[in-house]
């Protein structure tokens, strides 16, 4: 693997117009965070995360302990029998170019046993709907080694952060590698 195969990148979406709408496939349901789901979240990420060292402390560092906020912004997909299958969070961050808080798609995961079953796009739909209620735009952080996640984000209208693309040659090289794998029309407009 070369150093451009997994470069950390930022993606942005400038507004919430024309959000894609996707429903969960049969056999799954979506629910919000419940007390104790810090363990569920950690277990999902331990099973699926190839690049980040996941520990129980990571959850608190990323999200804190305010259960009211978590129950409003963190979503879990589970089977009808209650088996955890995935998680996504519609979080926020200060936008460095704008004093308003920007919505953030944060820590998306699908357990390997449930991947390729059509769960990620419905999870994105729900998290983006939540962000649209409180924020003018959205961002996310990911890496260029996550090809299929990047395709989902591009399909949802996220594009490379233009400032990062222009100022970091390794990011531009990483995105060119992604485009060689995906040939995505939205990405093509940013790599001219």
N, C-alpha and C. Protein backbone atom coordinates (compact mmCIF):
# COMPACT_ATOMS: atom_id res chain seq x y z
N UNK A 1 0.85 -1.18 0.00
CA UNK A 1 0.00 0.00 0.00
C UNK A 1 0.89 1.24 0.00
N UNK A 2 0.64 2.14 -0.93
CA UNK A 2 1.43 3.37 -0.97
C UNK A 2 0.85 4.39 -0.02
N UNK A 3 1.62 5.44 0.24
CA UNK A 3 1.15 6.45 1.20
C UNK A 3 -0.07 7.22 0.70
N UNK A 4 -0.38 7.17 -0.60
CA UNK A 4 -1.59 7.84 -1.08
C UNK A 4 -2.81 6.93 -1.06
N UNK A 5 -2.65 5.66 -0.66
CA UNK A 5 -3.78 4.74 -0.62
C UNK A 5 -4.72 5.00 0.55
N UNK A 6 -4.26 5.63 1.61
CA UNK A 6 -5.13 5.92 2.75
C UNK A 6 -4.75 7.25 3.38
N UNK A 7 -5.11 8.30 2.70
CA UNK A 7 -4.83 9.66 3.15
C UNK A 7 -6.08 10.20 3.85
N UNK A 8 -5.91 10.82 5.02
CA UNK A 8 -7.02 11.47 5.69
C UNK A 8 -7.52 12.65 4.87
N UNK A 9 -8.85 12.73 4.69
CA UNK A 9 -9.44 13.80 3.88
C UNK A 9 -10.70 14.33 4.55
N UNK A 10 -11.04 15.57 4.17
CA UNK A 10 -12.30 16.19 4.58
C UNK A 10 -13.20 16.27 3.36
N UNK A 11 -14.48 16.05 3.59
CA UNK A 11 -15.47 16.23 2.54
C UNK A 11 -16.52 17.20 3.06
N UNK A 12 -17.11 17.97 2.16
CA UNK A 12 -18.11 18.96 2.55
C UNK A 12 -19.34 18.84 1.66
N UNK A 13 -20.45 19.26 2.21
CA UNK A 13 -21.68 19.41 1.45
C UNK A 13 -22.18 20.80 1.77
N UNK A 14 -22.43 21.59 0.75
CA UNK A 14 -22.68 23.02 0.92
C UNK A 14 -24.08 23.36 1.43
N UNK A 15 -25.02 22.44 1.33
CA UNK A 15 -26.38 22.67 1.82
C UNK A 15 -27.07 21.31 1.96
N UNK A 16 -28.36 21.36 2.24
CA UNK A 16 -29.12 20.12 2.41
C UNK A 16 -30.21 19.96 1.35
N UNK A 17 -30.08 20.67 0.25
CA UNK A 17 -31.06 20.55 -0.84
C UNK A 17 -30.97 19.17 -1.48
N UNK A 18 -32.11 18.64 -1.86
CA UNK A 18 -32.19 17.39 -2.63
C UNK A 18 -31.45 16.23 -1.97
N UNK A 19 -31.70 16.04 -0.70
CA UNK A 19 -31.08 14.91 0.00
C UNK A 19 -31.61 13.59 -0.55
N UNK A 20 -30.74 12.65 -0.84
CA UNK A 20 -31.21 11.32 -1.25
C UNK A 20 -32.01 10.68 -0.11
N UNK A 21 -33.03 9.94 -0.48
CA UNK A 21 -33.88 9.27 0.50
C UNK A 21 -33.78 7.76 0.28
N UNK A 22 -33.37 7.05 1.31
CA UNK A 22 -33.22 5.59 1.23
C UNK A 22 -33.86 4.96 2.46
N UNK A 23 -34.57 3.88 2.25
CA UNK A 23 -35.22 3.12 3.33
C UNK A 23 -34.37 1.90 3.67
N UNK A 24 -34.45 1.48 4.92
CA UNK A 24 -33.77 0.25 5.33
C UNK A 24 -34.37 -0.96 4.62
N UNK A 25 -33.56 -1.95 4.33
CA UNK A 25 -34.10 -3.18 3.75
C UNK A 25 -34.92 -3.94 4.80
N UNK A 26 -35.77 -4.87 4.35
CA UNK A 26 -36.54 -5.68 5.30
C UNK A 26 -35.61 -6.41 6.27
N UNK A 27 -36.08 -6.52 7.51
CA UNK A 27 -35.31 -7.24 8.52
C UNK A 27 -34.49 -6.35 9.42
N UNK A 28 -34.52 -5.02 9.16
CA UNK A 28 -33.74 -4.08 9.96
C UNK A 28 -34.63 -2.93 10.42
N UNK A 29 -34.23 -2.33 11.52
CA UNK A 29 -34.91 -1.13 12.03
C UNK A 29 -33.86 -0.15 12.53
N UNK A 30 -34.26 1.10 12.62
CA UNK A 30 -33.38 2.16 13.10
C UNK A 30 -33.88 2.63 14.45
N UNK A 31 -32.97 2.91 15.34
CA UNK A 31 -33.34 3.47 16.65
C UNK A 31 -32.29 4.48 17.05
N UNK A 32 -32.61 5.26 18.07
CA UNK A 32 -31.65 6.24 18.58
C UNK A 32 -30.87 5.65 19.75
N UNK A 33 -29.83 6.37 20.12
CA UNK A 33 -28.96 6.00 21.25
C UNK A 33 -29.78 5.78 22.52
N UNK A 34 -29.40 4.76 23.26
CA UNK A 34 -29.95 4.50 24.59
C UNK A 34 -28.78 4.36 25.56
N UNK A 35 -29.02 4.65 26.83
CA UNK A 35 -27.97 4.51 27.83
C UNK A 35 -27.37 3.10 27.73
N UNK A 36 -26.05 3.04 27.70
CA UNK A 36 -25.35 1.77 27.55
C UNK A 36 -24.87 1.50 26.13
N UNK A 37 -25.34 2.31 25.18
CA UNK A 37 -24.94 2.10 23.79
C UNK A 37 -23.51 2.51 23.50
N UNK A 38 -22.83 3.11 24.47
CA UNK A 38 -21.40 3.35 24.27
C UNK A 38 -20.70 2.02 24.04
N UNK A 39 -21.14 0.98 24.72
CA UNK A 39 -20.55 -0.36 24.53
C UNK A 39 -20.92 -0.93 23.16
N UNK A 40 -22.18 -0.74 22.76
CA UNK A 40 -22.63 -1.20 21.44
C UNK A 40 -21.80 -0.54 20.35
N UNK A 41 -21.62 0.78 20.47
CA UNK A 41 -20.84 1.54 19.49
C UNK A 41 -19.40 1.02 19.44
N UNK A 42 -18.81 0.83 20.60
CA UNK A 42 -17.42 0.34 20.66
C UNK A 42 -17.31 -1.05 20.03
N UNK A 43 -18.24 -1.94 20.34
CA UNK A 43 -18.20 -3.29 19.78
C UNK A 43 -18.32 -3.26 18.26
N UNK A 44 -19.22 -2.43 17.73
CA UNK A 44 -19.36 -2.32 16.27
C UNK A 44 -18.06 -1.87 15.63
N UNK A 45 -17.44 -0.85 16.21
CA UNK A 45 -16.20 -0.32 15.63
C UNK A 45 -15.03 -1.28 15.80
N UNK A 46 -14.99 -2.00 16.91
CA UNK A 46 -13.93 -3.00 17.07
C UNK A 46 -14.03 -4.08 15.99
N UNK A 47 -15.25 -4.41 15.60
CA UNK A 47 -15.45 -5.45 14.59
C UNK A 47 -15.12 -4.97 13.18
N UNK A 48 -15.27 -3.66 12.93
CA UNK A 48 -15.22 -3.19 11.54
C UNK A 48 -14.11 -2.21 11.21
N UNK A 49 -13.50 -1.57 12.18
CA UNK A 49 -12.57 -0.46 11.91
C UNK A 49 -11.16 -0.95 11.60
N UNK A 50 -10.68 -0.73 10.35
CA UNK A 50 -9.34 -1.22 10.00
C UNK A 50 -8.20 -0.25 10.30
N UNK A 51 -8.48 1.03 10.54
CA UNK A 51 -7.41 2.02 10.60
C UNK A 51 -7.21 2.68 11.96
N UNK A 52 -8.24 2.72 12.79
CA UNK A 52 -8.19 3.47 14.04
C UNK A 52 -8.20 2.49 15.22
N UNK A 53 -7.40 2.79 16.24
CA UNK A 53 -7.38 1.99 17.46
C UNK A 53 -8.61 2.37 18.29
N UNK A 54 -9.58 1.49 18.33
CA UNK A 54 -10.85 1.75 19.02
C UNK A 54 -10.74 1.24 20.46
N UNK A 55 -11.04 2.13 21.40
CA UNK A 55 -11.05 1.80 22.83
C UNK A 55 -12.33 2.35 23.44
N UNK A 56 -12.74 1.86 24.61
CA UNK A 56 -13.93 2.43 25.25
C UNK A 56 -13.78 3.93 25.51
N UNK A 57 -12.57 4.39 25.75
CA UNK A 57 -12.35 5.82 26.02
C UNK A 57 -12.59 6.67 24.78
N UNK A 58 -12.44 6.08 23.61
CA UNK A 58 -12.64 6.82 22.36
C UNK A 58 -14.06 7.37 22.28
N UNK A 59 -15.04 6.60 22.70
CA UNK A 59 -16.42 7.05 22.65
C UNK A 59 -16.60 8.33 23.46
N UNK A 60 -16.14 8.35 24.68
CA UNK A 60 -16.28 9.53 25.55
C UNK A 60 -15.51 10.71 24.97
N UNK A 61 -14.33 10.47 24.45
CA UNK A 61 -13.53 11.54 23.86
C UNK A 61 -14.24 12.16 22.65
N UNK A 62 -14.88 11.35 21.84
CA UNK A 62 -15.55 11.84 20.64
C UNK A 62 -16.92 12.46 20.90
N UNK A 63 -17.67 11.91 21.89
CA UNK A 63 -19.07 12.28 22.05
C UNK A 63 -19.44 12.81 23.43
N UNK A 64 -18.59 12.65 24.42
CA UNK A 64 -18.95 13.08 25.76
C UNK A 64 -19.91 12.09 26.40
N UNK A 65 -20.64 12.59 27.40
CA UNK A 65 -21.53 11.71 28.17
C UNK A 65 -22.94 12.27 28.32
N UNK A 66 -23.30 13.28 27.55
CA UNK A 66 -24.64 13.87 27.64
C UNK A 66 -25.62 12.98 26.88
N UNK A 67 -26.37 12.16 27.62
CA UNK A 67 -27.26 11.19 27.00
C UNK A 67 -28.39 11.86 26.22
N UNK A 68 -28.79 13.07 26.61
CA UNK A 68 -29.84 13.77 25.87
C UNK A 68 -29.36 14.11 24.47
N UNK A 69 -28.16 14.65 24.36
CA UNK A 69 -27.60 14.97 23.04
C UNK A 69 -27.39 13.69 22.24
N UNK A 70 -26.83 12.68 22.86
CA UNK A 70 -26.58 11.42 22.16
C UNK A 70 -27.88 10.80 21.63
N UNK A 71 -28.95 10.84 22.42
CA UNK A 71 -30.21 10.23 21.98
C UNK A 71 -30.86 11.02 20.86
N UNK A 72 -30.43 12.24 20.64
CA UNK A 72 -30.95 13.06 19.54
C UNK A 72 -30.12 12.92 18.27
N UNK A 73 -28.86 12.53 18.40
CA UNK A 73 -27.95 12.60 17.25
C UNK A 73 -27.27 11.29 16.86
N UNK A 74 -27.36 10.28 17.68
CA UNK A 74 -26.70 9.00 17.36
C UNK A 74 -27.76 7.95 17.04
N UNK A 75 -27.53 7.25 15.93
CA UNK A 75 -28.50 6.28 15.44
C UNK A 75 -27.86 4.91 15.30
N UNK A 76 -28.65 3.89 15.57
CA UNK A 76 -28.21 2.50 15.43
C UNK A 76 -29.18 1.76 14.52
N UNK A 77 -28.63 0.93 13.66
CA UNK A 77 -29.43 -0.02 12.90
C UNK A 77 -29.25 -1.37 13.57
N UNK A 78 -30.36 -2.07 13.73
CA UNK A 78 -30.30 -3.40 14.32
C UNK A 78 -31.26 -4.32 13.58
N UNK A 79 -31.04 -5.61 13.74
CA UNK A 79 -31.99 -6.58 13.17
C UNK A 79 -33.28 -6.52 13.98
N UNK A 80 -34.31 -7.14 13.46
CA UNK A 80 -35.58 -7.17 14.19
C UNK A 80 -35.47 -7.94 15.49
N UNK A 81 -34.42 -8.76 15.61
CA UNK A 81 -34.14 -9.48 16.86
C UNK A 81 -33.27 -8.67 17.82
N UNK A 82 -32.90 -7.44 17.43
CA UNK A 82 -32.11 -6.58 18.31
C UNK A 82 -30.61 -6.71 18.18
N UNK A 83 -30.12 -7.43 17.16
CA UNK A 83 -28.68 -7.56 16.96
C UNK A 83 -28.13 -6.28 16.33
N UNK A 84 -27.16 -5.61 16.95
CA UNK A 84 -26.60 -4.38 16.39
C UNK A 84 -25.94 -4.65 15.03
N UNK A 85 -26.26 -3.79 14.05
CA UNK A 85 -25.72 -3.96 12.71
C UNK A 85 -24.91 -2.76 12.24
N UNK A 86 -25.23 -1.56 12.75
CA UNK A 86 -24.51 -0.37 12.31
C UNK A 86 -24.83 0.82 13.17
N UNK A 87 -24.07 1.89 12.95
CA UNK A 87 -24.27 3.13 13.70
C UNK A 87 -23.78 4.31 12.88
N UNK A 88 -24.40 5.45 13.10
CA UNK A 88 -24.00 6.71 12.47
C UNK A 88 -24.39 7.84 13.42
N UNK A 89 -23.65 8.92 13.38
CA UNK A 89 -23.95 10.07 14.23
C UNK A 89 -24.02 11.33 13.40
N UNK A 90 -25.07 12.12 13.61
CA UNK A 90 -25.20 13.44 13.02
C UNK A 90 -24.72 14.47 14.04
N UNK A 91 -23.43 14.74 14.07
CA UNK A 91 -22.78 15.56 15.08
C UNK A 91 -22.61 16.98 14.56
N UNK A 92 -21.70 17.73 15.13
CA UNK A 92 -21.45 19.10 14.67
C UNK A 92 -20.01 19.48 14.96
N UNK A 93 -19.58 20.56 14.33
CA UNK A 93 -18.26 21.14 14.60
C UNK A 93 -18.28 22.60 14.19
N UNK A 94 -17.38 23.36 14.76
CA UNK A 94 -17.21 24.75 14.34
C UNK A 94 -16.59 24.77 12.96
N UNK A 95 -17.20 25.52 12.06
CA UNK A 95 -16.64 25.69 10.72
C UNK A 95 -15.57 26.75 10.79
N UNK A 96 -14.39 26.42 10.32
CA UNK A 96 -13.27 27.37 10.42
C UNK A 96 -13.48 28.61 9.54
N UNK A 97 -14.39 28.55 8.55
CA UNK A 97 -14.62 29.69 7.67
C UNK A 97 -15.90 30.45 8.02
N UNK A 98 -16.66 29.94 8.96
CA UNK A 98 -17.97 30.49 9.24
C UNK A 98 -18.23 30.32 10.74
N UNK A 99 -18.72 31.35 11.41
CA UNK A 99 -18.92 31.23 12.85
C UNK A 99 -20.07 30.30 13.24
N UNK A 100 -20.87 29.84 12.27
CA UNK A 100 -21.95 28.92 12.63
C UNK A 100 -21.38 27.52 12.80
N UNK A 101 -22.13 26.69 13.44
CA UNK A 101 -21.71 25.30 13.60
C UNK A 101 -22.13 24.51 12.39
N UNK A 102 -21.21 23.77 11.85
CA UNK A 102 -21.45 22.94 10.67
C UNK A 102 -21.82 21.53 11.15
N UNK A 103 -22.80 20.93 10.48
CA UNK A 103 -23.15 19.55 10.78
C UNK A 103 -22.02 18.63 10.38
N UNK A 104 -21.94 17.49 11.05
CA UNK A 104 -20.85 16.56 10.77
C UNK A 104 -21.37 15.12 10.79
N UNK A 105 -21.17 14.42 9.71
CA UNK A 105 -21.39 12.97 9.71
C UNK A 105 -20.18 12.38 10.41
N UNK A 106 -20.43 11.62 11.46
CA UNK A 106 -19.34 11.24 12.35
C UNK A 106 -19.43 9.75 12.69
N UNK A 107 -18.35 9.04 12.47
CA UNK A 107 -18.18 7.64 12.87
C UNK A 107 -19.29 6.73 12.32
N UNK A 108 -19.25 6.51 11.03
CA UNK A 108 -20.18 5.60 10.35
C UNK A 108 -19.60 4.19 10.40
N UNK A 109 -20.41 3.22 10.77
CA UNK A 109 -19.92 1.84 10.83
C UNK A 109 -21.06 0.86 10.51
N UNK A 110 -20.70 -0.19 9.79
CA UNK A 110 -21.59 -1.34 9.60
C UNK A 110 -20.78 -2.58 9.95
N UNK A 111 -21.34 -3.40 10.82
CA UNK A 111 -20.66 -4.63 11.23
C UNK A 111 -20.38 -5.48 9.99
N UNK A 112 -19.21 -6.11 9.91
CA UNK A 112 -18.88 -6.93 8.73
C UNK A 112 -19.95 -7.97 8.37
N UNK A 113 -20.63 -8.54 9.35
CA UNK A 113 -21.67 -9.54 9.06
C UNK A 113 -22.89 -8.94 8.37
N UNK A 114 -23.00 -7.60 8.36
CA UNK A 114 -24.16 -6.93 7.77
C UNK A 114 -23.78 -6.00 6.61
N UNK A 115 -22.52 -6.02 6.22
CA UNK A 115 -22.09 -5.18 5.10
C UNK A 115 -22.66 -5.71 3.79
N UNK A 116 -22.77 -4.81 2.83
CA UNK A 116 -23.30 -5.11 1.48
C UNK A 116 -24.77 -5.55 1.52
N UNK A 117 -25.50 -5.01 2.49
CA UNK A 117 -26.93 -5.31 2.59
C UNK A 117 -27.78 -4.05 2.45
N UNK A 118 -27.15 -2.95 2.07
CA UNK A 118 -27.91 -1.73 1.84
C UNK A 118 -28.24 -0.94 3.08
N UNK A 119 -27.37 -0.94 4.07
CA UNK A 119 -27.64 -0.23 5.33
C UNK A 119 -27.07 1.18 5.36
N UNK A 120 -25.96 1.42 4.71
CA UNK A 120 -25.27 2.71 4.87
C UNK A 120 -26.08 3.87 4.32
N UNK A 121 -26.66 3.73 3.15
CA UNK A 121 -27.42 4.86 2.58
C UNK A 121 -28.64 5.21 3.43
N UNK A 122 -29.42 4.26 3.93
CA UNK A 122 -30.51 4.64 4.84
C UNK A 122 -29.99 5.31 6.13
N UNK A 123 -28.85 4.85 6.64
CA UNK A 123 -28.26 5.50 7.81
C UNK A 123 -27.89 6.94 7.47
N UNK A 124 -27.29 7.15 6.31
CA UNK A 124 -26.94 8.51 5.88
C UNK A 124 -28.18 9.38 5.74
N UNK A 125 -29.25 8.82 5.17
CA UNK A 125 -30.49 9.58 5.03
C UNK A 125 -30.94 10.10 6.38
N UNK A 126 -30.98 9.24 7.39
CA UNK A 126 -31.47 9.66 8.71
C UNK A 126 -30.55 10.68 9.36
N UNK A 127 -29.25 10.46 9.30
CA UNK A 127 -28.31 11.41 9.91
C UNK A 127 -28.35 12.76 9.20
N UNK A 128 -28.46 12.75 7.88
CA UNK A 128 -28.52 14.01 7.14
C UNK A 128 -29.83 14.76 7.44
N UNK A 129 -30.93 14.04 7.59
CA UNK A 129 -32.18 14.68 7.99
C UNK A 129 -32.02 15.38 9.33
N UNK A 130 -31.34 14.72 10.26
CA UNK A 130 -31.11 15.32 11.58
C UNK A 130 -30.25 16.56 11.46
N UNK A 131 -29.17 16.50 10.69
CA UNK A 131 -28.30 17.66 10.53
C UNK A 131 -29.04 18.82 9.88
N UNK A 132 -29.90 18.53 8.92
CA UNK A 132 -30.62 19.59 8.20
C UNK A 132 -31.51 20.40 9.14
N UNK A 133 -31.93 19.84 10.25
CA UNK A 133 -32.77 20.57 11.21
C UNK A 133 -32.00 21.67 11.93
N UNK A 134 -30.67 21.56 12.03
CA UNK A 134 -29.91 22.46 12.90
C UNK A 134 -28.73 23.16 12.26
N UNK A 135 -28.37 22.80 11.04
CA UNK A 135 -27.11 23.30 10.47
C UNK A 135 -27.29 23.76 9.03
N UNK A 136 -26.46 24.71 8.58
CA UNK A 136 -26.57 25.19 7.20
C UNK A 136 -25.88 24.29 6.18
N UNK A 137 -24.92 23.50 6.62
CA UNK A 137 -24.14 22.66 5.72
C UNK A 137 -23.52 21.53 6.53
N UNK A 138 -22.73 20.69 5.87
CA UNK A 138 -22.19 19.52 6.57
C UNK A 138 -20.79 19.19 6.08
N UNK A 139 -20.08 18.44 6.91
CA UNK A 139 -18.75 17.94 6.56
C UNK A 139 -18.59 16.55 7.15
N UNK A 140 -17.51 15.92 6.76
CA UNK A 140 -17.12 14.66 7.39
C UNK A 140 -15.64 14.46 7.17
N UNK A 141 -15.04 13.69 8.03
CA UNK A 141 -13.65 13.30 7.86
C UNK A 141 -13.60 11.81 7.57
N UNK A 142 -12.76 11.43 6.63
CA UNK A 142 -12.63 10.03 6.26
C UNK A 142 -11.23 9.82 5.71
N UNK A 143 -11.03 8.75 4.98
CA UNK A 143 -9.72 8.53 4.36
C UNK A 143 -9.90 7.83 3.02
N UNK A 144 -8.93 8.02 2.16
CA UNK A 144 -9.05 7.55 0.78
C UNK A 144 -8.97 6.04 0.64
N UNK A 145 -8.63 5.32 1.68
CA UNK A 145 -8.65 3.87 1.64
C UNK A 145 -10.03 3.27 1.81
N UNK A 146 -11.01 4.09 2.12
CA UNK A 146 -12.38 3.61 2.37
C UNK A 146 -13.23 3.82 1.11
N UNK A 147 -12.88 3.11 0.05
CA UNK A 147 -13.46 3.35 -1.27
C UNK A 147 -14.98 3.33 -1.27
N UNK A 148 -15.59 2.32 -0.70
CA UNK A 148 -17.05 2.21 -0.78
C UNK A 148 -17.75 3.24 0.10
N UNK A 149 -17.16 3.60 1.21
CA UNK A 149 -17.72 4.69 2.01
C UNK A 149 -17.66 6.00 1.22
N UNK A 150 -16.54 6.24 0.56
CA UNK A 150 -16.40 7.46 -0.24
C UNK A 150 -17.46 7.52 -1.34
N UNK A 151 -17.76 6.39 -1.95
CA UNK A 151 -18.80 6.38 -2.99
C UNK A 151 -20.14 6.81 -2.39
N UNK A 152 -20.47 6.28 -1.22
CA UNK A 152 -21.73 6.67 -0.58
C UNK A 152 -21.73 8.17 -0.31
N UNK A 153 -20.65 8.70 0.24
CA UNK A 153 -20.59 10.13 0.56
C UNK A 153 -20.71 10.98 -0.71
N UNK A 154 -20.04 10.59 -1.76
CA UNK A 154 -20.16 11.30 -3.04
C UNK A 154 -21.59 11.22 -3.56
N UNK A 155 -22.22 10.06 -3.46
CA UNK A 155 -23.61 9.90 -3.89
C UNK A 155 -24.55 10.79 -3.08
N UNK A 156 -24.16 11.15 -1.86
CA UNK A 156 -24.96 12.04 -1.02
C UNK A 156 -24.57 13.51 -1.21
N UNK A 157 -23.77 13.82 -2.20
CA UNK A 157 -23.45 15.20 -2.52
C UNK A 157 -22.26 15.77 -1.79
N UNK A 158 -21.55 14.97 -1.01
CA UNK A 158 -20.32 15.44 -0.39
C UNK A 158 -19.22 15.45 -1.45
N UNK A 159 -18.34 16.43 -1.35
CA UNK A 159 -17.23 16.53 -2.29
C UNK A 159 -15.96 16.88 -1.52
N UNK A 160 -14.80 16.71 -2.14
CA UNK A 160 -13.56 17.06 -1.45
C UNK A 160 -13.58 18.52 -0.99
N UNK A 161 -13.05 18.77 0.19
CA UNK A 161 -12.91 20.14 0.69
C UNK A 161 -11.97 20.88 -0.26
N UNK A 162 -12.45 21.91 -0.97
CA UNK A 162 -11.61 22.59 -1.96
C UNK A 162 -10.33 23.18 -1.37
N UNK A 163 -10.39 23.72 -0.16
CA UNK A 163 -9.19 24.29 0.46
C UNK A 163 -8.15 23.21 0.70
N UNK A 164 -8.58 22.08 1.22
CA UNK A 164 -7.66 20.98 1.48
C UNK A 164 -7.10 20.41 0.17
N UNK A 165 -7.96 20.30 -0.82
CA UNK A 165 -7.54 19.77 -2.12
C UNK A 165 -6.46 20.66 -2.75
N UNK A 166 -6.62 21.97 -2.60
CA UNK A 166 -5.67 22.91 -3.21
C UNK A 166 -4.37 23.04 -2.43
N UNK A 167 -4.41 22.79 -1.13
CA UNK A 167 -3.24 23.08 -0.30
C UNK A 167 -2.42 21.85 0.10
N UNK A 168 -2.94 20.67 -0.11
CA UNK A 168 -2.23 19.46 0.32
C UNK A 168 -2.06 18.50 -0.86
N UNK A 169 -0.88 18.47 -1.47
CA UNK A 169 -0.66 17.60 -2.64
C UNK A 169 -0.97 16.13 -2.37
N UNK A 170 -0.72 15.65 -1.16
CA UNK A 170 -1.00 14.25 -0.87
C UNK A 170 -2.50 13.96 -0.89
N UNK A 171 -3.31 14.97 -0.54
CA UNK A 171 -4.76 14.82 -0.60
C UNK A 171 -5.21 14.73 -2.06
N UNK A 172 -4.69 15.63 -2.89
CA UNK A 172 -5.03 15.59 -4.32
C UNK A 172 -4.64 14.24 -4.92
N UNK A 173 -3.46 13.74 -4.57
CA UNK A 173 -3.01 12.44 -5.09
C UNK A 173 -3.92 11.32 -4.58
N UNK A 174 -4.31 11.39 -3.32
CA UNK A 174 -5.21 10.39 -2.77
C UNK A 174 -6.55 10.37 -3.49
N UNK A 175 -7.09 11.57 -3.76
CA UNK A 175 -8.37 11.66 -4.48
C UNK A 175 -8.23 11.14 -5.91
N UNK A 176 -7.10 11.39 -6.55
CA UNK A 176 -6.91 10.84 -7.90
C UNK A 176 -6.92 9.31 -7.86
N UNK A 177 -6.34 8.73 -6.81
CA UNK A 177 -6.40 7.28 -6.66
C UNK A 177 -7.82 6.78 -6.46
N UNK A 178 -8.61 7.51 -5.68
CA UNK A 178 -10.02 7.15 -5.49
C UNK A 178 -10.75 7.22 -6.82
N UNK A 179 -10.52 8.28 -7.57
CA UNK A 179 -11.20 8.44 -8.85
C UNK A 179 -10.83 7.33 -9.83
N UNK A 180 -9.59 6.86 -9.78
CA UNK A 180 -9.18 5.75 -10.64
C UNK A 180 -9.98 4.48 -10.30
N UNK A 181 -10.38 4.33 -9.04
CA UNK A 181 -11.16 3.16 -8.62
C UNK A 181 -12.66 3.35 -8.85
N UNK A 182 -13.16 4.57 -8.66
CA UNK A 182 -14.61 4.81 -8.71
C UNK A 182 -15.12 5.42 -10.00
N UNK A 183 -14.32 6.28 -10.62
CA UNK A 183 -14.77 7.05 -11.79
C UNK A 183 -16.12 7.72 -11.50
N UNK A 184 -16.17 8.49 -10.42
CA UNK A 184 -17.41 9.12 -9.97
C UNK A 184 -17.56 10.50 -10.62
N UNK A 185 -18.73 10.80 -11.22
CA UNK A 185 -18.89 12.08 -11.92
C UNK A 185 -18.72 13.31 -11.03
N UNK A 186 -19.21 13.28 -9.79
CA UNK A 186 -19.04 14.43 -8.91
C UNK A 186 -17.57 14.65 -8.58
N UNK A 187 -16.86 13.59 -8.28
CA UNK A 187 -15.44 13.72 -7.97
C UNK A 187 -14.67 14.24 -9.17
N UNK A 188 -15.05 13.83 -10.36
CA UNK A 188 -14.36 14.28 -11.58
C UNK A 188 -14.38 15.80 -11.70
N UNK A 189 -15.48 16.44 -11.26
CA UNK A 189 -15.57 17.90 -11.39
C UNK A 189 -14.59 18.62 -10.47
N UNK A 190 -14.13 17.96 -9.42
CA UNK A 190 -13.19 18.59 -8.48
C UNK A 190 -11.73 18.25 -8.79
N UNK A 191 -11.50 17.36 -9.72
CA UNK A 191 -10.12 16.94 -10.02
C UNK A 191 -9.65 17.41 -11.38
N UNK A 192 -10.31 18.38 -11.96
CA UNK A 192 -9.89 18.90 -13.27
C UNK A 192 -8.60 19.65 -13.18
